[in-house]
Amino acid sequence: MEAVGFLCLGAAVLAWGFLWVWDSWERMKSQEPAGVPGGGSRTLLVIAHPDDEAMFFAPTVLGLARLRHRLSLLCFSAGNYYNQGEMRKKELLQSCDVLGIPPSSIMIIDNRDFPDDPGVQWDTERVASVLLQHIEASGINLVVTFDAGGVSGHRNHVALYAAVRTLHSEGKLPKGCSVLTLRSVNVFQSHVLPSQPAALVSPPLRALLQVHENQLPALPLKPWRVF
């Protein structure tokens, strides 16, 4: 009888252990990265030029899509520095199709207030006003954009960070709206990928390379920073 009792106790302990490990594993798999809202969140990617979404944010966007975020994009210029604005707007729509952002969720601003020019510093208050209107109209829960270094140091990139920072510091962002910024790294890391066979680059990223083949030297993979 004692042997049977020990066997029953052992089976119970093993069963409990199995269930505990399984439950822990399931909870670990379901955890989102720190600072990132859960599935169903309305997420806005804010960029300065067509190709920013691919050159700097593609891994982030694909990751958020896997978390079932409802993605939209706001681009503050047509990228007309070399008089290629119309072509680049079309490329942006093609790129967003690869990233899973529908045309109805894409807005491209093309006016004199925000010229594609590394020598021009966009007005922070004006950028912030346009951005806030878009956030409120779309019920955005999460904003993703550049950090203070603008990744490449481009003044247009930095202007977006300054605008988001202003909205955040002045408490103008809607309640529950979070911000993630892409951490700037050195020039070599941000514009050069280690040599690797094409087979090691995922199909979505290869497709983005083809869409922006005239603009896109590489796809840097960098982590987020939470405000």
C-alpha atoms as a PDB file:
ATOM      1  CA  MET A   1       0.000   0.000   0.000  1.00  0.00           C
ATOM      2  CA  GLU A   2       2.847   2.372   0.829  1.00  0.00           C
ATOM      3  CA  ALA A   3       4.397   1.721  -2.601  1.00  0.00           C
ATOM      4  CA  VAL A   4       1.117   2.468  -4.318  1.00  0.00           C
ATOM      5  CA  GLY A   5       0.780   5.658  -2.266  1.00  0.00           C
ATOM      6  CA  PHE A   6       4.280   6.806  -3.267  1.00  0.00           C
ATOM      7  CA  LEU A   7       3.521   6.054  -6.939  1.00  0.00           C
ATOM      8  CA  CYS A   8       0.321   8.087  -6.804  1.00  0.00           C
ATOM      9  CA  LEU A   9       2.128  10.964  -5.096  1.00  0.00           C
ATOM     10  CA  GLY A  10       4.936  10.821  -7.644  1.00  0.00           C
ATOM     11  CA  ALA A  11       2.471  10.857 -10.553  1.00  0.00           C
ATOM     12  CA  ALA A  12       0.680  13.846  -9.031  1.00  0.00           C
ATOM     13  CA  VAL A  13       3.954  15.756  -8.601  1.00  0.00           C
ATOM     14  CA  LEU A  14       5.005  14.991 -12.178  1.00  0.00           C
ATOM     15  CA  ALA A  15       1.615  16.055 -13.530  1.00  0.00           C
ATOM     16  CA  TRP A  16       1.742  19.312 -11.550  1.00  0.00           C
ATOM     17  CA  GLY A  17       5.293  19.966 -12.734  1.00  0.00           C
ATOM     18  CA  PHE A  18       4.322  19.395 -16.356  1.00  0.00           C
ATOM     19  CA  LEU A  19       1.344  21.747 -16.105  1.00  0.00           C
ATOM     20  CA  TRP A  20       3.467  24.429 -14.381  1.00  0.00           C
ATOM     21  CA  VAL A  21       6.154  24.289 -17.077  1.00  0.00           C
ATOM     22  CA  TRP A  22       3.554  24.325 -19.863  1.00  0.00           C
ATOM     23  CA  ASP A  23       1.725  27.298 -18.327  1.00  0.00           C
ATOM     24  CA  SER A  24       4.979  29.220 -17.850  1.00  0.00           C
ATOM     25  CA  TRP A  25       5.991  28.545 -21.445  1.00  0.00           C
ATOM     26  CA  GLU A  26       2.636  29.713 -22.808  1.00  0.00           C
ATOM     27  CA  ARG A  27       2.760  32.892 -20.748  1.00  0.00           C
ATOM     28  CA  MET A  28       6.333  33.565 -21.859  1.00  0.00           C
ATOM     29  CA  LYS A  29       5.364  33.144 -25.534  1.00  0.00           C
ATOM     30  CA  SER A  30       2.442  35.517 -25.185  1.00  0.00           C
ATOM     31  CA  GLN A  31       4.434  38.360 -23.615  1.00  0.00           C
ATOM     32  CA  GLU A  32       4.873  41.496 -25.743  1.00  0.00           C
ATOM     33  CA  PRO A  33       8.159  43.458 -25.624  1.00  0.00           C
ATOM     34  CA  ALA A  34       8.344  45.935 -22.762  1.00  0.00           C
ATOM     35  CA  GLY A  35       6.562  49.189 -23.525  1.00  0.00           C
ATOM     36  CA  VAL A  36       4.646  47.802 -26.503  1.00  0.00           C
ATOM     37  CA  PRO A  37       0.819  47.726 -26.281  1.00  0.00           C
ATOM     38  CA  GLY A  38      -0.890  44.442 -27.005  1.00  0.00           C
ATOM     39  CA  GLY A  39      -2.601  43.095 -30.099  1.00  0.00           C
ATOM     40  CA  GLY A  40      -5.282  45.249 -31.686  1.00  0.00           C
ATOM     41  CA  SER A  41      -3.472  48.484 -30.844  1.00  0.00           C
ATOM     42  CA  ARG A  42      -3.684  51.257 -33.413  1.00  0.00           C
ATOM     43  CA  THR A  43      -0.069  52.039 -34.239  1.00  0.00           C
ATOM     44  CA  LEU A  44       1.182  55.011 -36.272  1.00  0.00           C
ATOM     45  CA  LEU A  45       4.578  54.963 -37.970  1.00  0.00           C
ATOM     46  CA  VAL A  46       5.780  58.554 -38.463  1.00  0.00           C
ATOM     47  CA  ILE A  47       8.480  59.055 -41.108  1.00  0.00           C
ATOM     48  CA  ALA A  48      10.000  61.970 -43.010  1.00  0.00           C
ATOM     49  CA  HIS A  49      10.517  60.481 -46.482  1.00  0.00           C
ATOM     50  CA  PRO A  50       9.472  57.523 -48.621  1.00  0.00           C
ATOM     51  CA  ASP A  51      11.980  54.696 -47.989  1.00  0.00           C
ATOM     52  CA  ASP A  52      12.371  55.542 -44.273  1.00  0.00           C
ATOM     53  CA  GLU A  53       9.790  52.824 -43.565  1.00  0.00           C
ATOM     54  CA  ALA A  54      12.031  50.252 -45.269  1.00  0.00           C
ATOM     55  CA  MET A  55      15.505  51.585 -44.536  1.00  0.00           C
ATOM     56  CA  PHE A  56      14.981  52.073 -40.811  1.00  0.00           C
ATOM     57  CA  PHE A  57      11.682  50.590 -39.608  1.00  0.00           C
ATOM     58  CA  ALA A  58      10.932  47.421 -41.601  1.00  0.00           C
ATOM     59  CA  PRO A  59      11.828  44.903 -38.842  1.00  0.00           C
ATOM     60  CA  THR A  60       9.845  46.962 -36.320  1.00  0.00           C
ATOM     61  CA  VAL A  61       6.764  47.153 -38.548  1.00  0.00           C
ATOM     62  CA  LEU A  62       6.874  43.439 -39.362  1.00  0.00           C
ATOM     63  CA  GLY A  63       7.230  42.648 -35.654  1.00  0.00           C
ATOM     64  CA  LEU A  64       4.253  44.817 -34.723  1.00  0.00           C
ATOM     65  CA  ALA A  65       2.226  43.200 -37.490  1.00  0.00           C
ATOM     66  CA  ARG A  66       2.977  39.792 -35.936  1.00  0.00           C
ATOM     67  CA  LEU A  67       1.630  41.197 -32.666  1.00  0.00           C
ATOM     68  CA  ARG A  68      -1.576  42.013 -34.610  1.00  0.00           C
ATOM     69  CA  HIS A  69      -1.236  45.787 -34.390  1.00  0.00           C
ATOM     70  CA  ARG A  70      -3.430  47.835 -36.735  1.00  0.00           C
ATOM     71  CA  LEU A  71      -0.752  49.778 -38.590  1.00  0.00           C
ATOM     72  CA  SER A  72      -0.943  53.151 -40.298  1.00  0.00           C
ATOM     73  CA  LEU A  73       1.714  55.489 -41.671  1.00  0.00           C
ATOM     74  CA  LEU A  74       2.183  59.252 -41.795  1.00  0.00           C
ATOM     75  CA  CYS A  75       4.921  60.512 -44.132  1.00  0.00           C
ATOM     76  CA  PHE A  76       5.768  64.215 -43.848  1.00  0.00           C
ATOM     77  CA  SER A  77       7.183  64.670 -47.362  1.00  0.00           C
ATOM     78  CA  ALA A  78       7.100  63.174 -50.843  1.00  0.00           C
ATOM     79  CA  GLY A  79      10.899  62.844 -50.906  1.00  0.00           C
ATOM     80  CA  ASN A  80      11.291  65.328 -53.740  1.00  0.00           C
ATOM     81  CA  TYR A  81      14.861  66.470 -53.006  1.00  0.00           C
ATOM     82  CA  TYR A  82      16.048  65.084 -56.363  1.00  0.00           C
ATOM     83  CA  ASN A  83      12.737  65.800 -58.128  1.00  0.00           C
ATOM     84  CA  GLN A  84      11.659  62.161 -57.758  1.00  0.00           C
ATOM     85  CA  GLY A  85       8.656  62.810 -55.539  1.00  0.00           C
ATOM     86  CA  GLU A  86       6.003  61.171 -57.686  1.00  0.00           C
ATOM     87  CA  MET A  87       8.083  58.039 -58.195  1.00  0.00           C
ATOM     88  CA  ARG A  88       8.924  57.818 -54.509  1.00  0.00           C
ATOM     89  CA  LYS A  89       5.281  58.167 -53.457  1.00  0.00           C
ATOM     90  CA  LYS A  90       4.426  55.185 -55.638  1.00  0.00           C
ATOM     91  CA  GLU A  91       7.358  53.231 -54.174  1.00  0.00           C
ATOM     92  CA  LEU A  92       6.110  54.004 -50.674  1.00  0.00           C
ATOM     93  CA  LEU A  93       2.693  52.549 -51.458  1.00  0.00           C
ATOM     94  CA  GLN A  94       4.343  49.417 -52.897  1.00  0.00           C
ATOM     95  CA  SER A  95       6.587  49.110 -49.853  1.00  0.00           C
ATOM     96  CA  CYS A  96       3.659  49.465 -47.454  1.00  0.00           C
ATOM     97  CA  ASP A  97       1.846  46.726 -49.352  1.00  0.00           C
ATOM     98  CA  VAL A  98       4.763  44.410 -48.509  1.00  0.00           C
ATOM     99  CA  LEU A  99       4.707  45.575 -44.880  1.00  0.00           C
ATOM    100  CA  GLY A 100       0.962  45.017 -44.569  1.00  0.00           C
ATOM    101  CA  ILE A 101      -0.118  48.664 -44.312  1.00  0.00           C
ATOM    102  CA  PRO A 102      -3.197  49.266 -46.523  1.00  0.00           C
ATOM    103  CA  PRO A 103      -3.410  52.345 -48.809  1.00  0.00           C
ATOM    104  CA  SER A 104      -6.355  53.664 -46.786  1.00  0.00           C
ATOM    105  CA  SER A 105      -4.038  53.884 -43.748  1.00  0.00           C
ATOM    106  CA  ILE A 106      -1.284  55.872 -45.488  1.00  0.00           C
ATOM    107  CA  MET A 107      -1.029  59.659 -45.566  1.00  0.00           C
ATOM    108  CA  ILE A 108       1.714  61.465 -47.495  1.00  0.00           C
ATOM    109  CA  ILE A 109       2.051  65.197 -46.824  1.00  0.00           C
ATOM    110  CA  ASP A 110       3.376  67.089 -49.845  1.00  0.00           C
ATOM    111  CA  ASN A 111       3.581  70.824 -49.254  1.00  0.00           C
ATOM    112  CA  ARG A 112       6.065  73.641 -48.784  1.00  0.00           C
ATOM    113  CA  ASP A 113       5.926  73.510 -44.995  1.00  0.00           C
ATOM    114  CA  PHE A 114       7.890  70.255 -44.939  1.00  0.00           C
ATOM    115  CA  PRO A 115      10.408  70.162 -47.823  1.00  0.00           C
ATOM    116  CA  ASP A 116      12.629  67.127 -48.271  1.00  0.00           C
ATOM    117  CA  ASP A 117      15.887  68.924 -47.534  1.00  0.00           C
ATOM    118  CA  PRO A 118      18.645  67.994 -45.057  1.00  0.00           C
ATOM    119  CA  GLY A 119      19.475  71.689 -44.784  1.00  0.00           C
ATOM    120  CA  VAL A 120      16.007  72.707 -43.593  1.00  0.00           C
ATOM    121  CA  GLN A 121      14.809  72.362 -40.004  1.00  0.00           C
ATOM    122  CA  TRP A 122      11.042  71.889 -39.998  1.00  0.00           C
ATOM    123  CA  ASP A 123       9.059  74.006 -37.558  1.00  0.00           C
ATOM    124  CA  THR A 124       8.508  71.892 -34.449  1.00  0.00           C
ATOM    125  CA  GLU A 125       5.156  73.392 -33.508  1.00  0.00           C
ATOM    126  CA  ARG A 126       3.790  72.970 -37.024  1.00  0.00           C
ATOM    127  CA  VAL A 127       4.890  69.325 -37.208  1.00  0.00           C
ATOM    128  CA  ALA A 128       3.461  68.697 -33.735  1.00  0.00           C
ATOM    129  CA  SER A 129       0.112  70.247 -34.688  1.00  0.00           C
ATOM    130  CA  VAL A 130      -0.273  68.112 -37.824  1.00  0.00           C
ATOM    131  CA  LEU A 131       0.830  64.986 -35.981  1.00  0.00           C
ATOM    132  CA  LEU A 132      -1.540  65.535 -33.054  1.00  0.00           C
ATOM    133  CA  GLN A 133      -4.494  66.032 -35.390  1.00  0.00           C
ATOM    134  CA  HIS A 134      -3.676  62.722 -37.071  1.00  0.00           C
ATOM    135  CA  ILE A 135      -3.235  60.882 -33.767  1.00  0.00           C
ATOM    136  CA  GLU A 136      -6.568  62.126 -32.425  1.00  0.00           C
ATOM    137  CA  ALA A 137      -8.493  61.556 -35.657  1.00  0.00           C
ATOM    138  CA  SER A 138      -7.243  57.966 -35.939  1.00  0.00           C
ATOM    139  CA  GLY A 139      -7.435  57.041 -32.240  1.00  0.00           C
ATOM    140  CA  ILE A 140      -3.737  56.077 -32.157  1.00  0.00           C
ATOM    141  CA  ASN A 141      -2.437  54.070 -29.163  1.00  0.00           C
ATOM    142  CA  LEU A 142       1.230  53.880 -30.182  1.00  0.00           C
ATOM    143  CA  VAL A 143       3.506  56.234 -32.143  1.00  0.00           C
ATOM    144  CA  VAL A 144       6.748  54.900 -33.628  1.00  0.00           C
ATOM    145  CA  THR A 145       9.345  57.331 -34.994  1.00  0.00           C
ATOM    146  CA  PHE A 146      12.986  58.466 -34.882  1.00  0.00           C
ATOM    147  CA  ASP A 147      14.950  59.380 -31.766  1.00  0.00           C
ATOM    148  CA  ALA A 148      16.858  62.632 -31.102  1.00  0.00           C
ATOM    149  CA  GLY A 149      19.697  61.532 -33.381  1.00  0.00           C
ATOM    150  CA  GLY A 150      17.380  60.843 -36.291  1.00  0.00           C
ATOM    151  CA  VAL A 151      19.322  57.586 -36.915  1.00  0.00           C
ATOM    152  CA  SER A 152      21.185  59.180 -39.836  1.00  0.00           C
ATOM    153  CA  GLY A 153      21.272  62.701 -38.393  1.00  0.00           C
ATOM    154  CA  HIS A 154      18.952  64.036 -41.115  1.00  0.00           C
ATOM    155  CA  ARG A 155      17.300  67.248 -39.886  1.00  0.00           C
ATOM    156  CA  ASN A 156      13.898  66.153 -41.156  1.00  0.00           C
ATOM    157  CA  HIS A 157      14.155  62.971 -39.062  1.00  0.00           C
ATOM    158  CA  VAL A 158      15.194  64.957 -35.994  1.00  0.00           C
ATOM    159  CA  ALA A 159      12.247  67.327 -36.484  1.00  0.00           C
ATOM    160  CA  LEU A 160       9.802  64.437 -36.079  1.00  0.00           C
ATOM    161  CA  TYR A 161      11.373  63.438 -32.772  1.00  0.00           C
ATOM    162  CA  ALA A 162      11.300  67.055 -31.579  1.00  0.00           C
ATOM    163  CA  ALA A 163       7.587  67.288 -32.384  1.00  0.00           C
ATOM    164  CA  VAL A 164       6.695  64.029 -30.636  1.00  0.00           C
ATOM    165  CA  ARG A 165       8.857  64.976 -27.666  1.00  0.00           C
ATOM    166  CA  THR A 166       7.058  68.318 -27.428  1.00  0.00           C
ATOM    167  CA  LEU A 167       3.631  66.673 -27.460  1.00  0.00           C
ATOM    168  CA  HIS A 168       4.779  64.177 -24.821  1.00  0.00           C
ATOM    169  CA  SER A 169       6.434  66.716 -22.496  1.00  0.00           C
ATOM    170  CA  GLU A 170       3.489  69.126 -22.708  1.00  0.00           C
ATOM    171  CA  GLY A 171       1.007  66.342 -21.960  1.00  0.00           C
ATOM    172  CA  LYS A 172      -0.848  66.804 -25.237  1.00  0.00           C
ATOM    173  CA  LEU A 173      -0.804  63.174 -26.324  1.00  0.00           C
ATOM    174  CA  PRO A 174      -4.139  61.423 -25.746  1.00  0.00           C
ATOM    175  CA  LYS A 175      -4.418  59.303 -22.626  1.00  0.00           C
ATOM    176  CA  GLY A 176      -3.047  55.822 -23.265  1.00  0.00           C
ATOM    177  CA  CYS A 177      -0.962  56.860 -26.278  1.00  0.00           C
ATOM    178  CA  SER A 178       2.612  55.552 -25.988  1.00  0.00           C
ATOM    179  CA  VAL A 179       5.722  56.452 -27.976  1.00  0.00           C
ATOM    180  CA  LEU A 180       8.584  54.282 -29.216  1.00  0.00           C
ATOM    181  CA  THR A 181      11.683  55.765 -30.845  1.00  0.00           C
ATOM    182  CA  LEU A 182      14.299  53.971 -32.912  1.00  0.00           C
ATOM    183  CA  ARG A 183      17.731  54.095 -31.267  1.00  0.00           C
ATOM    184  CA  SER A 184      20.406  55.823 -33.353  1.00  0.00           C
ATOM    185  CA  VAL A 185      23.706  54.001 -33.857  1.00  0.00           C
ATOM    186  CA  ASN A 186      26.908  54.869 -35.685  1.00  0.00           C
ATOM    187  CA  VAL A 187      26.970  55.390 -39.443  1.00  0.00           C
ATOM    188  CA  PHE A 188      28.577  52.032 -40.198  1.00  0.00           C
ATOM    189  CA  GLN A 189      25.946  50.121 -38.238  1.00  0.00           C
ATOM    190  CA  SER A 190      23.039  52.107 -39.660  1.00  0.00           C
ATOM    191  CA  HIS A 191      23.988  51.923 -43.338  1.00  0.00           C
ATOM    192  CA  VAL A 192      26.029  48.745 -43.802  1.00  0.00           C
ATOM    193  CA  LEU A 193      24.863  45.168 -43.294  1.00  0.00           C
ATOM    194  CA  PRO A 194      27.345  42.308 -42.923  1.00  0.00           C
ATOM    195  CA  SER A 195      27.834  40.416 -46.170  1.00  0.00           C
ATOM    196  CA  GLN A 196      25.339  37.549 -46.275  1.00  0.00           C
ATOM    197  CA  PRO A 197      23.673  35.309 -48.856  1.00  0.00           C
ATOM    198  CA  ALA A 198      20.353  36.616 -50.178  1.00  0.00           C
ATOM    199  CA  ALA A 199      18.687  33.455 -48.873  1.00  0.00           C
ATOM    200  CA  LEU A 200      19.323  34.677 -45.306  1.00  0.00           C
ATOM    201  CA  VAL A 201      17.296  37.855 -45.866  1.00  0.00           C
ATOM    202  CA  SER A 202      13.586  37.263 -45.285  1.00  0.00           C
ATOM    203  CA  PRO A 203      11.270  37.502 -48.336  1.00  0.00           C
ATOM    204  CA  PRO A 204       9.540  40.704 -47.094  1.00  0.00           C
ATOM    205  CA  LEU A 205      12.876  42.490 -46.683  1.00  0.00           C
ATOM    206  CA  ARG A 206      14.077  41.314 -50.095  1.00  0.00           C
ATOM    207  CA  ALA A 207      10.865  42.693 -51.599  1.00  0.00           C
ATOM    208  CA  LEU A 208      11.474  46.050 -49.924  1.00  0.00           C
ATOM    209  CA  LEU A 209      14.994  46.147 -51.308  1.00  0.00           C
ATOM    210  CA  GLN A 210      13.567  45.712 -54.790  1.00  0.00           C
ATOM    211  CA  VAL A 211      10.920  48.425 -54.320  1.00  0.00           C
ATOM    212  CA  HIS A 212      13.479  51.020 -53.196  1.00  0.00           C
ATOM    213  CA  GLU A 213      16.451  49.793 -55.221  1.00  0.00           C
ATOM    214  CA  ASN A 214      17.390  53.374 -56.215  1.00  0.00           C
ATOM    215  CA  GLN A 215      17.261  54.707 -52.662  1.00  0.00           C
ATOM    216  CA  LEU A 216      17.972  51.845 -50.296  1.00  0.00           C
ATOM    217  CA  PRO A 217      21.551  50.746 -49.548  1.00  0.00           C
ATOM    218  CA  ALA A 218      20.705  48.510 -46.585  1.00  0.00           C
ATOM    219  CA  LEU A 219      18.150  47.581 -43.938  1.00  0.00           C
ATOM    220  CA  PRO A 220      19.617  48.224 -40.476  1.00  0.00           C
ATOM    221  CA  LEU A 221      18.134  46.240 -37.611  1.00  0.00           C
ATOM    222  CA  LYS A 222      18.064  48.333 -34.451  1.00  0.00           C
ATOM    223  CA  PRO A 223      16.074  48.153 -31.198  1.00  0.00           C
ATOM    224  CA  TRP A 224      13.354  50.455 -29.909  1.00  0.00           C
ATOM    225  CA  ARG A 225      13.657  53.026 -27.164  1.00  0.00           C
ATOM    226  CA  VAL A 226      10.598  53.897 -25.070  1.00  0.00           C
ATOM    227  CA  PHE A 227       9.940  57.528 -24.144  1.00  0.00           C
END
